[in-house]
């Protein structure tokens, strides 16, 4: 094949040999050479198909999804017994410390995985979470548990930005809906955490109304943290010891390591019992220059320094349409970042305090109701996987509808006149919010090119976490015994749903670049 020196040559070659898969981003949105090579890699992954390696990856990536939901829920579940024991003047500071850790984790791991690769972040995040989760069980006071919550959240904050990038980059375009179905782990984590919390926190902690609460009478939340920390440690062991993660082919290609990208694709094909026709020549034909990178130490250092700039950020705003898409996705994540924790993080407290008003409050009943609410998250994740593939509905329709309905059901919950009706509205809310998150977690990385995907995920996750930090601050000064936080949260979800309608890209049936 002849050399290709210009972007016009690249486009001419693509018009002669069209790709097997459509791309989520329109042609010409990103660098033409990168785009051409990404299309070739997409075709190679599609040719290999969904096999043993990807299904193994589905499971271990699911661990990251589970941790992302599990630990914020853990923080909300232990808030009541911790408040009873340590009697802090401002209990929402525990959620604030958690969200600060989540923000740092999203920034560090999200931006970092575009600089030093996906593998280290993938292997370390759950390990960090498990270690500090176990240590936190020995906290002697409120300040200590707040510090450890921030530290375990540094690990938690990196799971979604990194894991979604990894999974998407190994998926054939025909199976990208599995990124939505991954949220089944998110829902199961909520169910698991609540199921374990029910006997431990329901029976081995002080009641919220107890005037005196000693450590001896309140060991349940410590046993709970130890249990959840051990579960995270097992997940870390399975990821790090029992599974070999290969670096993303498109990430390697974006770093100029075409030979390594081809080697990974060939190894995935071998593991799947398939063969691939991809060769290094299929990628090198698109190179605009025949020059080679320097291999000495000085050249290596120079390349490292060149990475630490705003190139990845600027690439996400390179065209008007891409800039609108990135900005709107960040805004949606920000609004949900405030609305979700504003209600969800204080749900146990709200459920318990409303129970007092309705005359049927108990710690046991609170956690039983939370378990019932959690069960509804499982079908929500599966429904999300179905809705995103519907013609004329797709990702945008599923996201807009589920997000707006999440807000509607929150408004409806303020009409509850007894605990059972409040429980019913919370179940409907959790069903819709799980559909919403399933779609959002899938759609977001799909519309970012691979070479900038970690950065794009970091920006959206950071917007989410920054506004998440505001939620406990609002809760400190708001009266949680009124409906004000619920109204605010519902309005934010409805606004995010309306914004989703005008997103410029629909990625249904198209492979990510």
Protein backbone atom coordinates (compact mmCIF):
# COMPACT_ATOMS: atom_id res chain seq x y z
CA UNK A 1 0.00 0.00 0.00
CA UNK A 2 1.20 3.51 -0.73
CA UNK A 3 2.20 5.99 1.95
CA UNK A 4 -0.47 8.36 3.23
CA UNK A 5 0.88 11.79 4.04
CA UNK A 6 -2.09 14.12 4.48
CA UNK A 7 -5.53 14.17 6.07
CA UNK A 8 -7.00 14.26 2.53
CA UNK A 9 -5.17 11.01 1.75
CA UNK A 10 -6.58 9.46 4.91
CA UNK A 11 -10.12 10.46 4.00
CA UNK A 12 -9.60 9.18 0.44
CA UNK A 13 -8.42 5.80 1.70
CA UNK A 14 -11.41 5.52 4.05
CA UNK A 15 -13.81 6.30 1.21
CA UNK A 16 -12.30 3.44 -0.81
CA UNK A 17 -12.16 1.00 2.12
CA UNK A 18 -15.08 1.99 4.38
CA UNK A 19 -14.98 0.76 7.99
CA UNK A 20 -17.07 -2.22 9.07
CA UNK A 21 -18.48 -0.31 12.03
CA UNK A 22 -20.10 3.12 12.33
CA UNK A 23 -18.51 5.51 14.81
CA UNK A 24 -20.15 7.34 17.70
CA UNK A 25 -18.50 10.63 16.65
CA UNK A 26 -19.09 11.98 13.13
CA UNK A 27 -16.18 11.81 10.69
CA UNK A 28 -13.84 14.78 10.94
CA UNK A 29 -14.59 15.49 14.62
CA UNK A 30 -11.10 14.48 15.76
CA UNK A 31 -7.59 14.11 14.30
CA UNK A 32 -7.98 12.25 10.97
CA UNK A 33 -4.97 9.95 11.40
CA UNK A 34 -6.03 8.92 14.89
CA UNK A 35 -9.60 8.49 13.66
CA UNK A 36 -8.52 6.28 10.77
CA UNK A 37 -6.42 4.05 13.01
CA UNK A 38 -9.20 3.85 15.61
CA UNK A 39 -11.62 2.67 12.92
CA UNK A 40 -9.17 -0.07 11.90
CA UNK A 41 -8.85 -1.21 15.53
CA UNK A 42 -12.65 -1.10 15.93
CA UNK A 43 -12.99 -3.37 12.91
CA UNK A 44 -10.38 -5.76 14.33
CA UNK A 45 -12.18 -5.96 17.71
CA UNK A 46 -15.51 -6.41 15.91
CA UNK A 47 -13.99 -9.20 13.80
CA UNK A 48 -12.79 -11.00 16.95
CA UNK A 49 -16.21 -10.54 18.54
CA UNK A 50 -17.37 -10.88 22.14
CA UNK A 51 -15.36 -13.72 23.65
CA UNK A 52 -13.88 -15.19 26.82
CA UNK A 53 -11.51 -12.28 27.52
CA UNK A 54 -14.28 -9.66 27.31
CA UNK A 55 -16.63 -11.69 29.52
CA UNK A 56 -13.90 -12.02 32.15
CA UNK A 57 -13.33 -8.29 31.83
CA UNK A 58 -17.08 -7.72 32.26
CA UNK A 59 -16.89 -9.38 35.69
CA UNK A 60 -13.79 -7.64 37.04
CA UNK A 61 -14.90 -4.26 35.66
CA UNK A 62 -18.20 -4.93 37.43
CA UNK A 63 -16.25 -4.91 40.71
CA UNK A 64 -15.36 -1.26 40.02
CA UNK A 65 -19.00 -0.43 39.29
CA UNK A 66 -19.96 -2.12 42.57
CA UNK A 67 -17.40 -0.17 44.59
CA UNK A 68 -18.54 3.14 43.08
CA UNK A 69 -22.01 2.69 44.54
CA UNK A 70 -21.20 0.56 47.57
CA UNK A 71 -19.01 2.95 49.53
CA UNK A 72 -21.15 6.11 49.26
CA UNK A 73 -24.05 3.91 50.42
CA UNK A 74 -21.90 2.61 53.29
CA UNK A 75 -21.26 6.21 54.36
CA UNK A 76 -24.98 6.99 54.34
CA UNK A 77 -25.85 3.78 56.21
CA UNK A 78 -23.37 4.34 59.05
CA UNK A 79 -24.26 8.04 59.45
CA UNK A 80 -27.05 7.34 61.95
CA UNK A 81 -25.08 5.09 64.39
CA UNK A 82 -21.95 7.23 64.09
CA UNK A 83 -23.97 10.33 64.93
CA UNK A 84 -25.50 8.53 67.93
CA UNK A 85 -22.07 7.50 69.27
CA UNK A 86 -19.87 10.53 68.56
CA UNK A 87 -22.59 13.21 68.63
CA UNK A 88 -20.93 15.58 66.14
CA UNK A 89 -22.37 19.07 65.85
CA UNK A 90 -22.56 18.76 62.05
CA UNK A 91 -23.09 15.09 60.98
CA UNK A 92 -23.18 15.90 57.21
CA UNK A 93 -19.43 16.65 57.45
CA UNK A 94 -18.92 12.89 57.07
CA UNK A 95 -20.49 13.04 53.60
CA UNK A 96 -18.47 16.19 52.85
CA UNK A 97 -15.17 14.44 53.64
CA UNK A 98 -16.23 11.50 51.49
CA UNK A 99 -17.04 13.76 48.52
CA UNK A 100 -13.71 15.58 48.81
CA UNK A 101 -11.98 12.20 48.53
CA UNK A 102 -14.16 11.23 45.56
CA UNK A 103 -13.27 14.49 43.79
CA UNK A 104 -9.55 13.98 44.30
CA UNK A 105 -9.83 10.37 43.14
CA UNK A 106 -11.76 11.31 40.00
CA UNK A 107 -9.20 13.99 39.10
CA UNK A 108 -6.09 11.96 39.88
CA UNK A 109 -7.07 8.63 38.36
CA UNK A 110 -9.14 10.08 35.51
CA UNK A 111 -6.47 12.45 34.17
CA UNK A 112 -3.70 10.07 35.19
CA UNK A 113 -4.94 7.12 33.15
CA UNK A 114 -4.50 9.19 29.96
CA UNK A 115 -0.92 9.92 31.03
CA UNK A 116 0.43 6.69 32.56
CA UNK A 117 -2.09 4.19 31.18
CA UNK A 118 -5.10 2.29 32.48
CA UNK A 119 -3.47 -0.76 34.11
CA UNK A 120 -2.04 0.81 37.27
CA UNK A 121 -5.22 2.72 38.04
CA UNK A 122 -7.32 -0.40 37.39
CA UNK A 123 -5.25 -2.47 39.82
CA UNK A 124 -4.79 0.05 42.64
CA UNK A 125 -8.16 1.75 43.13
CA UNK A 126 -10.01 -1.10 44.87
CA UNK A 127 -6.89 -1.97 46.90
CA UNK A 128 -6.74 1.55 48.35
CA UNK A 129 -10.46 1.42 49.16
CA UNK A 130 -10.21 -1.91 50.98
CA UNK A 131 -7.22 -0.92 53.13
CA UNK A 132 -8.67 2.36 54.42
CA UNK A 133 -12.14 0.84 54.78
CA UNK A 134 -10.74 -1.79 57.14
CA UNK A 135 -8.67 0.76 59.08
CA UNK A 136 -11.72 3.02 59.47
CA UNK A 137 -13.46 0.37 61.60
CA UNK A 138 -11.11 1.29 64.45
CA UNK A 139 -11.92 5.02 64.38
CA UNK A 140 -11.98 6.46 67.93
CA UNK A 141 -13.86 9.66 67.06
CA UNK A 142 -15.80 11.49 64.34
CA UNK A 143 -12.73 13.28 62.95
CA UNK A 144 -10.95 9.96 62.40
CA UNK A 145 -13.85 8.31 60.55
CA UNK A 146 -14.14 11.46 58.42
CA UNK A 147 -10.45 11.27 57.44
CA UNK A 148 -10.64 7.57 56.59
CA UNK A 149 -13.83 8.12 54.57
CA UNK A 150 -11.93 10.69 52.49
CA UNK A 151 -9.01 8.27 52.01
CA UNK A 152 -11.08 5.27 50.96
CA UNK A 153 -12.97 7.59 48.60
CA UNK A 154 -9.74 8.46 46.77
CA UNK A 155 -9.79 4.88 45.54
CA UNK A 156 -13.54 4.80 44.93
CA UNK A 157 -13.42 8.01 42.87
CA UNK A 158 -11.15 6.43 40.26
CA UNK A 159 -13.22 3.33 39.50
CA UNK A 160 -15.73 4.69 37.01
CA UNK A 161 -13.47 7.05 35.00
CA UNK A 162 -10.89 4.29 34.50
CA UNK A 163 -13.03 1.16 34.30
CA UNK A 164 -15.52 2.52 31.78
CA UNK A 165 -12.64 3.52 29.50
CA UNK A 166 -11.02 0.09 29.74
CA UNK A 167 -14.18 -1.91 29.10
CA UNK A 168 -15.38 0.23 26.22
CA UNK A 169 -12.02 0.01 24.47
CA UNK A 170 -12.14 -3.80 24.36
CA UNK A 171 -15.83 -4.10 23.40
CA UNK A 172 -16.92 -4.82 19.83
CA UNK A 173 -19.30 -2.11 18.63
CA UNK A 174 -22.15 -4.62 18.46
CA UNK A 175 -21.92 -5.19 22.23
CA UNK A 176 -21.51 -1.64 23.57
CA UNK A 177 -24.91 -1.95 25.25
CA UNK A 178 -23.09 -4.10 27.83
CA UNK A 179 -21.63 -0.90 29.22
CA UNK A 180 -25.18 -0.08 30.29
CA UNK A 181 -25.84 -3.60 31.60
CA UNK A 182 -22.69 -3.26 33.77
CA UNK A 183 -24.84 -1.17 36.09
CA UNK A 184 -26.34 -4.44 37.32
CA UNK A 185 -23.23 -4.56 39.55
CA UNK A 186 -24.01 -1.02 40.73
CA UNK A 187 -27.51 -2.12 41.75
CA UNK A 188 -26.35 -5.42 43.27
CA UNK A 189 -23.79 -3.52 45.37
CA UNK A 190 -26.57 -1.41 46.87
CA UNK A 191 -28.55 -4.58 47.55
CA UNK A 192 -25.55 -6.35 49.11
CA UNK A 193 -24.57 -3.40 51.31
CA UNK A 194 -28.13 -2.96 52.56
CA UNK A 195 -28.59 -6.71 53.12
CA UNK A 196 -25.45 -6.86 55.29
CA UNK A 197 -26.39 -3.63 57.06
CA UNK A 198 -29.84 -4.88 58.05
CA UNK A 199 -28.75 -7.36 60.79
CA UNK A 200 -25.56 -5.52 61.80
CA UNK A 201 -26.85 -1.96 61.94
CA UNK A 202 -30.45 -2.92 62.71
CA UNK A 203 -29.57 -5.02 65.78
CA UNK A 204 -26.06 -4.05 66.95
CA UNK A 205 -26.25 -0.25 67.02
CA UNK A 206 -27.86 2.37 69.23
CA UNK A 207 -31.24 3.76 68.29
CA UNK A 208 -31.23 7.24 66.77
CA UNK A 209 -33.21 8.53 69.74
CA UNK A 210 -30.87 7.00 72.37
CA UNK A 211 -29.57 9.60 74.82
CA UNK A 212 -26.46 7.57 75.73
CA UNK A 213 -24.64 5.47 73.13
CA UNK A 214 -21.41 3.70 74.07
CA UNK A 215 -18.93 1.93 71.81
CA UNK A 216 -19.88 -1.44 73.35
CA UNK A 217 -23.53 -0.95 72.40
CA UNK A 218 -22.71 0.40 68.93
CA UNK A 219 -20.26 -2.12 67.41
CA UNK A 220 -22.53 -2.89 64.45
CA UNK A 221 -21.17 -0.15 62.20
CA UNK A 222 -17.59 -1.31 62.89
CA UNK A 223 -18.44 -4.91 62.01
CA UNK A 224 -20.15 -3.55 58.90
CA UNK A 225 -17.03 -1.66 57.77
CA UNK A 226 -14.83 -4.72 58.38
CA UNK A 227 -17.19 -6.90 56.32
CA UNK A 228 -17.35 -4.45 53.41
CA UNK A 229 -13.58 -3.87 53.54
CA UNK A 230 -12.96 -7.62 53.29
CA UNK A 231 -15.32 -7.84 50.30
CA UNK A 232 -13.33 -5.06 48.59
CA UNK A 233 -10.08 -6.88 49.45
CA UNK A 234 -11.37 -10.08 47.79
CA UNK A 235 -12.31 -8.08 44.68
CA UNK A 236 -8.82 -6.54 44.63
CA UNK A 237 -7.25 -10.02 44.88
CA UNK A 238 -9.35 -11.36 42.01
CA UNK A 239 -8.43 -8.35 39.84
CA UNK A 240 -4.73 -8.18 40.64
CA UNK A 241 -3.81 -11.88 41.02
CA UNK A 242 -6.36 -13.87 39.05
CA UNK A 243 -6.84 -11.66 35.97
CA UNK A 244 -4.35 -10.22 33.48
CA UNK A 245 -5.39 -6.84 32.13
CA UNK A 246 -3.86 -5.77 28.83
CA UNK A 247 -3.38 -2.10 28.08
CA UNK A 248 -6.05 -0.66 25.78
CA UNK A 249 -5.06 -1.02 22.08
CA UNK A 250 -6.46 2.41 21.20
CA UNK A 251 -4.67 3.99 24.15
CA UNK A 252 -1.39 2.43 22.94
CA UNK A 253 -2.06 3.58 19.39
CA UNK A 254 -2.75 7.11 20.65
CA UNK A 255 0.67 7.04 22.34
CA UNK A 256 2.36 6.09 19.06
CA UNK A 257 2.87 2.44 20.08
CA UNK A 258 1.20 0.80 17.09
CA UNK A 259 3.15 -2.47 17.40
CA UNK A 260 2.04 -2.89 21.02
CA UNK A 261 -1.58 -2.13 20.06
CA UNK A 262 -1.51 -4.84 17.39
CA UNK A 263 0.10 -7.30 19.82
CA UNK A 264 -2.70 -6.76 22.34
CA UNK A 265 -5.41 -7.28 19.73
CA UNK A 266 -3.70 -10.49 18.62
CA UNK A 267 -3.46 -11.72 22.22
CA UNK A 268 -7.16 -11.00 22.86
CA UNK A 269 -7.98 -12.92 19.69
CA UNK A 270 -5.85 -15.85 20.89
CA UNK A 271 -7.60 -15.86 24.28
CA UNK A 272 -10.95 -15.89 22.53
CA UNK A 273 -9.89 -18.80 20.35
CA UNK A 274 -9.98 -16.62 17.25
CA UNK A 275 -7.51 -15.16 14.78
CA UNK A 276 -7.17 -11.61 13.48
CA UNK A 277 -5.91 -10.28 10.16
CA UNK A 278 -4.67 -7.06 11.81
CA UNK A 279 -0.98 -6.28 11.23
CA UNK A 280 1.25 -3.35 12.06
CA UNK A 281 1.14 -2.32 8.39
CA UNK A 282 -2.63 -1.71 8.68
CA UNK A 283 -1.92 1.10 11.16
CA UNK A 284 1.39 2.45 9.88
CA UNK A 285 -0.14 3.12 6.45
CA UNK A 286 -1.96 6.11 8.00
CA UNK A 287 1.14 7.74 9.48
CA UNK A 288 1.73 11.24 8.16
CA UNK A 289 5.44 11.04 8.81
CA UNK A 290 7.97 8.25 8.50
CA UNK A 291 10.02 9.69 11.32
CA UNK A 292 10.56 7.56 14.40
CA UNK A 293 10.48 8.60 18.03
CA UNK A 294 13.79 8.92 19.78
CA UNK A 295 14.62 6.02 22.10
CA UNK A 296 17.24 7.64 24.32
CA UNK A 297 16.55 8.79 27.89
CA UNK A 298 16.34 12.47 26.94
CA UNK A 299 13.72 11.80 24.26
CA UNK A 300 11.72 9.63 26.69
CA UNK A 301 11.78 12.39 29.31
CA UNK A 302 10.69 14.97 26.74
CA UNK A 303 7.69 12.83 25.73
CA UNK A 304 6.69 12.45 29.39
CA UNK A 305 6.80 16.21 29.93
CA UNK A 306 4.80 16.85 26.76
CA UNK A 307 1.97 14.74 28.20
CA UNK A 308 1.53 17.05 31.19
CA UNK A 309 -0.41 19.79 29.44
CA UNK A 310 -3.97 20.62 28.42
CA UNK A 311 -3.83 18.76 25.10
CA UNK A 312 -6.40 16.15 26.20
CA UNK A 313 -8.74 18.83 27.54
CA UNK A 314 -8.51 21.01 24.42
CA UNK A 315 -9.23 17.98 22.23
CA UNK A 316 -12.65 17.59 23.90
CA UNK A 317 -13.57 21.14 22.78
CA UNK A 318 -11.88 20.99 19.36
CA UNK A 319 -15.08 21.57 17.33
CA UNK A 320 -18.29 23.44 18.13
CA UNK A 321 -20.36 20.27 18.25
CA UNK A 322 -17.84 18.42 20.41
CA UNK A 323 -17.57 21.42 22.75
CA UNK A 324 -21.37 21.56 23.15
CA UNK A 325 -21.48 17.81 23.81
CA UNK A 326 -18.70 17.90 26.43
CA UNK A 327 -20.20 20.96 28.17
CA UNK A 328 -23.73 19.53 28.32
CA UNK A 329 -22.55 16.15 29.62
CA UNK A 330 -20.55 17.91 32.34
CA UNK A 331 -23.61 19.99 33.25
CA UNK A 332 -25.82 16.89 33.47
CA UNK A 333 -23.27 15.16 35.70
CA UNK A 334 -23.02 18.29 37.86
CA UNK A 335 -26.78 18.61 38.41
CA UNK A 336 -27.09 14.92 39.24
CA UNK A 337 -24.01 15.23 41.45
CA UNK A 338 -25.90 17.65 43.66
CA UNK A 339 -29.36 16.10 43.40
CA UNK A 340 -28.45 12.46 44.05
CA UNK A 341 -26.48 12.81 47.33
CA UNK A 342 -28.75 15.59 48.55
CA UNK A 343 -31.49 12.98 48.81
CA UNK A 344 -29.78 9.58 48.75
CA UNK A 345 -27.00 10.23 51.26
CA UNK A 346 -29.54 11.20 53.90
CA UNK A 347 -32.20 8.65 52.94
CA UNK A 348 -31.71 6.51 56.09
CA UNK A 349 -32.12 9.62 58.24
CA UNK A 350 -35.14 10.80 56.23
CA UNK A 351 -36.74 7.33 56.34
CA UNK A 352 -36.20 7.09 60.09
CA UNK A 353 -37.30 10.63 60.97
CA UNK A 354 -40.41 10.37 58.77
CA UNK A 355 -41.14 7.08 60.53
CA UNK A 356 -41.15 8.96 63.82
CA UNK A 357 -43.69 11.38 62.37
CA UNK A 358 -45.80 8.45 61.08
CA UNK A 359 -45.54 6.62 64.40
CA UNK A 360 -43.74 3.49 63.12
CA UNK A 361 -40.02 4.28 63.45
CA UNK A 362 -37.32 1.77 64.36
CA UNK A 363 -33.75 1.18 63.26
CA UNK A 364 -34.71 -2.34 62.12
CA UNK A 365 -37.64 -1.06 60.05
CA UNK A 366 -35.49 1.65 58.49
CA UNK A 367 -32.96 -0.84 57.13
CA UNK A 368 -35.65 -3.28 56.08
CA UNK A 369 -37.24 -0.56 53.95
CA UNK A 370 -33.85 0.42 52.53
CA UNK A 371 -33.33 -3.21 51.48
CA UNK A 372 -36.69 -3.22 49.68
CA UNK A 373 -35.72 0.01 47.90
CA UNK A 374 -32.37 -1.52 46.90
CA UNK A 375 -34.03 -4.56 45.29
CA UNK A 376 -35.68 -2.29 42.70
CA UNK A 377 -32.28 -1.17 41.44
CA UNK A 378 -31.54 -4.56 39.85
CA UNK A 379 -34.35 -4.52 37.23
CA UNK A 380 -33.55 -0.84 36.67
CA UNK A 381 -30.06 -1.68 35.37
CA UNK A 382 -31.44 -4.41 33.08
CA UNK A 383 -34.17 -2.11 31.77
CA UNK A 384 -31.51 0.48 30.97
CA UNK A 385 -29.68 -2.06 28.81
CA UNK A 386 -32.91 -2.73 26.90
CA UNK A 387 -33.99 0.90 26.46
CA UNK A 388 -30.69 2.16 25.02
CA UNK A 389 -31.04 -0.18 22.03
CA UNK A 390 -34.61 0.83 21.11
CA UNK A 391 -34.83 2.48 17.65
CA UNK A 392 -35.81 6.19 17.69
CA UNK A 393 -35.21 6.20 21.47
CA UNK A 394 -31.63 5.15 22.09
CA UNK A 395 -29.26 6.57 24.69
CA UNK A 396 -30.63 10.11 24.63
CA UNK A 397 -34.27 9.10 25.00
CA UNK A 398 -33.53 6.64 27.80
CA UNK A 399 -31.37 9.18 29.64
CA UNK A 400 -33.82 12.08 29.31
CA UNK A 401 -36.87 10.03 30.29
CA UNK A 402 -35.36 8.20 33.27
CA UNK A 403 -33.68 11.33 34.67
CA UNK A 404 -36.84 13.44 34.49
CA UNK A 405 -38.97 10.64 36.00
CA UNK A 406 -36.46 10.31 38.86
CA UNK A 407 -37.22 13.92 39.74
CA UNK A 408 -40.97 13.44 39.32
CA UNK A 409 -41.02 10.53 41.78
CA UNK A 410 -39.04 12.56 44.29
CA UNK A 411 -41.68 15.29 44.12
CA UNK A 412 -44.35 12.63 44.53
CA UNK A 413 -42.67 11.28 47.69
CA UNK A 414 -43.53 14.53 49.50
CA UNK A 415 -47.20 13.55 49.31
CA UNK A 416 -46.64 10.40 51.44
CA UNK A 417 -48.90 10.21 54.49
CA UNK A 418 -47.45 7.00 55.96
CA UNK A 419 -44.24 4.95 55.83
CA UNK A 420 -45.61 2.47 53.30
CA UNK A 421 -46.47 5.15 50.73
CA UNK A 422 -43.08 6.81 51.29
CA UNK A 423 -41.48 3.40 50.71
CA UNK A 424 -43.44 2.98 47.47
CA UNK A 425 -42.32 6.33 46.06
CA UNK A 426 -38.71 5.61 47.07
CA UNK A 427 -38.88 2.28 45.22
CA UNK A 428 -40.08 4.04 42.06
CA UNK A 429 -37.34 6.65 42.48
CA UNK A 430 -34.65 3.99 42.85
CA UNK A 431 -35.88 2.09 39.78
CA UNK A 432 -35.68 5.23 37.62
CA UNK A 433 -32.38 6.45 39.07
CA UNK A 434 -30.75 3.09 38.32
CA UNK A 435 -31.94 3.27 34.71
CA UNK A 436 -30.57 6.82 34.58
CA UNK A 437 -27.14 5.90 35.91
CA UNK A 438 -26.93 2.79 33.73
CA UNK A 439 -27.46 4.90 30.61
CA UNK A 440 -25.29 7.82 31.76
CA UNK A 441 -22.33 5.59 32.64
CA UNK A 442 -22.53 4.02 29.17
CA UNK A 443 -23.22 7.14 27.08
CA UNK A 444 -20.53 9.36 28.62
CA UNK A 445 -17.38 7.43 27.59
CA UNK A 446 -18.92 6.51 24.21
CA UNK A 447 -18.81 10.11 22.97
CA UNK A 448 -15.17 10.71 23.99
CA UNK A 449 -12.31 9.55 21.71
CA UNK A 450 -10.07 6.93 23.34
CA UNK A 451 -6.93 9.08 23.53
CA UNK A 452 -8.87 11.67 25.57
CA UNK A 453 -11.43 9.37 27.21
CA UNK A 454 -9.78 9.27 30.63
CA UNK A 455 -9.65 13.07 30.65
CA UNK A 456 -13.28 13.34 29.51
CA UNK A 457 -14.37 10.90 32.20
CA UNK A 458 -12.32 12.86 34.73
CA UNK A 459 -14.00 16.16 33.76
CA UNK A 460 -17.51 14.73 34.04
CA UNK A 461 -16.73 12.85 37.26
CA UNK A 462 -15.11 15.96 38.74
CA UNK A 463 -18.16 18.08 37.88
CA UNK A 464 -20.25 15.42 39.62
CA UNK A 465 -18.01 15.36 42.70
CA UNK A 466 -17.65 19.15 43.00
CA UNK A 467 -21.41 19.52 43.14
CA UNK A 468 -21.54 16.46 45.40
CA UNK A 469 -19.41 18.39 47.89
CA UNK A 470 -22.13 21.04 47.97
CA UNK A 471 -24.82 18.52 49.02
CA UNK A 472 -23.70 18.02 52.65
CA UNK A 473 -23.07 21.76 52.96
CA UNK A 474 -26.68 22.35 51.92
CA UNK A 475 -27.79 19.64 54.35
CA UNK A 476 -25.94 21.33 57.23
CA UNK A 477 -28.02 24.48 56.83
CA UNK A 478 -31.24 22.89 55.55
CA UNK A 479 -33.85 21.23 57.73
CA UNK A 480 -33.86 17.54 56.74
CA UNK A 481 -37.17 17.08 58.54
CA UNK A 482 -38.90 19.24 55.92
CA UNK A 483 -39.42 18.52 52.23
CA UNK A 484 -37.06 21.28 51.07
CA UNK A 485 -34.08 18.98 50.19
CA UNK A 486 -36.45 16.64 48.34
CA UNK A 487 -37.93 19.46 46.24
CA UNK A 488 -34.43 20.76 45.42
CA UNK A 489 -33.21 17.32 44.44
CA UNK A 490 -36.26 16.62 42.26
CA UNK A 491 -35.90 19.92 40.40
CA UNK A 492 -32.24 19.19 39.65
CA UNK A 493 -33.08 15.78 38.16
CA UNK A 494 -35.83 17.22 35.96
CA UNK A 495 -33.49 19.96 34.71
CA UNK A 496 -30.83 17.35 33.87
CA UNK A 497 -33.43 15.30 31.98
CA UNK A 498 -34.41 18.30 29.85
CA UNK A 499 -30.77 19.03 29.02
CA UNK A 500 -30.28 15.42 27.87
CA UNK A 501 -32.85 15.99 25.13
CA UNK A 502 -30.54 18.45 23.32
CA UNK A 503 -27.31 16.39 23.48
CA UNK A 504 -25.83 16.51 19.95
CA UNK A 505 -24.63 12.88 19.60
CA UNK A 506 -26.61 9.64 19.62
CA UNK A 507 -24.27 6.65 20.01
CA UNK A 508 -26.76 3.80 19.61
CA UNK A 509 -25.48 1.20 17.15
CA UNK A 510 -22.12 2.96 16.68
CA UNK A 511 -18.63 2.04 17.84
CA UNK A 512 -16.62 4.45 19.99
CA UNK A 513 -13.42 5.91 18.53
